[in-house]
Amino acid sequence: MGFGFTVIGSIYLISYLNLFSFGYNFNDYVHFICGQIECLYFLIGISIMLLSIYIPGGKKDELCL
């Protein structure tokens, strides 16, 4: 789920790079993407993936039969 959110958010981040061709600078770009909910999916996805990696869960011997 985290990977999916990250992919969706990064697609929007890349597609909004077209704003540079309309004369926006980097500060305007960052200000614009901070207000878009689609771009926040990137941060949500990264945080879900980090939480799933570093927070232990499940049984300790779930790989053993």
C-alpha atoms as a PDB file:
ATOM      1  CA  MET A   1       0.000   0.000   0.000  1.00  0.00           C
ATOM      2  CA  GLY A   2       2.850   2.353   0.805  1.00  0.00           C
ATOM      3  CA  PHE A   3       4.554   1.570  -2.474  1.00  0.00           C
ATOM      4  CA  GLY A   4       1.343   2.331  -4.368  1.00  0.00           C
ATOM      5  CA  PHE A   5       0.934   5.703  -2.684  1.00  0.00           C
ATOM      6  CA  THR A   6       4.570   6.508  -3.395  1.00  0.00           C
ATOM      7  CA  VAL A   7       4.190   5.663  -7.083  1.00  0.00           C
ATOM      8  CA  ILE A   8       1.021   7.747  -7.420  1.00  0.00           C
ATOM      9  CA  GLY A   9       2.600  10.711  -5.652  1.00  0.00           C
ATOM     10  CA  SER A  10       5.808  10.555  -7.665  1.00  0.00           C
ATOM     11  CA  ILE A  11       3.862  10.460 -10.941  1.00  0.00           C
ATOM     12  CA  TYR A  12       2.151  13.697  -9.951  1.00  0.00           C
ATOM     13  CA  LEU A  13       5.424  15.253  -8.792  1.00  0.00           C
ATOM     14  CA  ILE A  14       7.015  14.470 -12.142  1.00  0.00           C
ATOM     15  CA  SER A  15       4.015  15.656 -14.134  1.00  0.00           C
ATOM     16  CA  TYR A  16       3.959  18.963 -12.262  1.00  0.00           C
ATOM     17  CA  LEU A  17       7.551  19.579 -13.395  1.00  0.00           C
ATOM     18  CA  ASN A  18       5.928  21.029 -16.514  1.00  0.00           C
ATOM     19  CA  LEU A  19       5.281  24.160 -14.456  1.00  0.00           C
ATOM     20  CA  PHE A  20       8.905  25.126 -15.048  1.00  0.00           C
ATOM     21  CA  SER A  21       8.138  25.550 -18.738  1.00  0.00           C
ATOM     22  CA  PHE A  22       5.468  28.125 -17.820  1.00  0.00           C
ATOM     23  CA  GLY A  23       7.986  30.313 -15.987  1.00  0.00           C
ATOM     24  CA  TYR A  24       7.662  29.030 -12.424  1.00  0.00           C
ATOM     25  CA  ASN A  25      10.812  28.876 -10.325  1.00  0.00           C
ATOM     26  CA  PHE A  26      11.705  26.185  -7.782  1.00  0.00           C
ATOM     27  CA  ASN A  27      10.134  28.023  -4.827  1.00  0.00           C
ATOM     28  CA  ASP A  28       6.845  28.420  -6.692  1.00  0.00           C
ATOM     29  CA  TYR A  29       6.962  24.727  -7.616  1.00  0.00           C
ATOM     30  CA  VAL A  30       7.480  23.620  -4.002  1.00  0.00           C
ATOM     31  CA  HIS A  31       4.748  25.963  -2.801  1.00  0.00           C
ATOM     32  CA  PHE A  32       2.357  24.611  -5.426  1.00  0.00           C
ATOM     33  CA  ILE A  33       2.984  20.913  -4.757  1.00  0.00           C
ATOM     34  CA  CYS A  34       2.640  21.362  -0.999  1.00  0.00           C
ATOM     35  CA  GLY A  35      -0.970  22.376  -1.571  1.00  0.00           C
ATOM     36  CA  GLN A  36      -1.839  19.424  -3.794  1.00  0.00           C
ATOM     37  CA  ILE A  37      -3.244  16.355  -2.015  1.00  0.00           C
ATOM     38  CA  GLU A  38      -2.038  14.096  -4.808  1.00  0.00           C
ATOM     39  CA  CYS A  39       1.550  15.028  -4.067  1.00  0.00           C
ATOM     40  CA  LEU A  40       1.127  14.341  -0.371  1.00  0.00           C
ATOM     41  CA  TYR A  41       0.517  10.709  -1.309  1.00  0.00           C
ATOM     42  CA  PHE A  42       4.266  10.505  -1.922  1.00  0.00           C
ATOM     43  CA  LEU A  43       5.068  11.435   1.676  1.00  0.00           C
ATOM     44  CA  ILE A  44       2.308   9.205   3.035  1.00  0.00           C
ATOM     45  CA  GLY A  45       3.612   6.267   1.021  1.00  0.00           C
ATOM     46  CA  ILE A  46       7.206   6.796   2.138  1.00  0.00           C
ATOM     47  CA  SER A  47       6.129   6.985   5.770  1.00  0.00           C
ATOM     48  CA  ILE A  48       4.021   3.813   5.489  1.00  0.00           C
ATOM     49  CA  MET A  49       6.954   1.948   3.964  1.00  0.00           C
ATOM     50  CA  LEU A  50       9.354   3.178   6.646  1.00  0.00           C
ATOM     51  CA  LEU A  51       6.933   2.253   9.400  1.00  0.00           C
ATOM     52  CA  SER A  52       6.423  -1.220   7.974  1.00  0.00           C
ATOM     53  CA  ILE A  53      10.180  -1.760   7.766  1.00  0.00           C
ATOM     54  CA  TYR A  54      11.219  -0.474  11.184  1.00  0.00           C
ATOM     55  CA  ILE A  55       8.258  -1.317  13.431  1.00  0.00           C
ATOM     56  CA  PRO A  56       8.343  -4.980  14.351  1.00  0.00           C
ATOM     57  CA  GLY A  57       5.151  -6.949  14.054  1.00  0.00           C
ATOM     58  CA  GLY A  58       3.845 -10.433  13.606  1.00  0.00           C
ATOM     59  CA  LYS A  59       5.158 -13.627  15.126  1.00  0.00           C
ATOM     60  CA  LYS A  60       8.870 -14.011  15.625  1.00  0.00           C
ATOM     61  CA  ASP A  61       8.971 -17.507  14.098  1.00  0.00           C
ATOM     62  CA  GLU A  62       6.494 -17.047  11.278  1.00  0.00           C
ATOM     63  CA  LEU A  63       9.039 -18.265   8.697  1.00  0.00           C
ATOM     64  CA  CYS A  64       9.525 -21.540  10.543  1.00  0.00           C
ATOM     65  CA  LEU A  65       7.094 -24.336   9.871  1.00  0.00           C
END
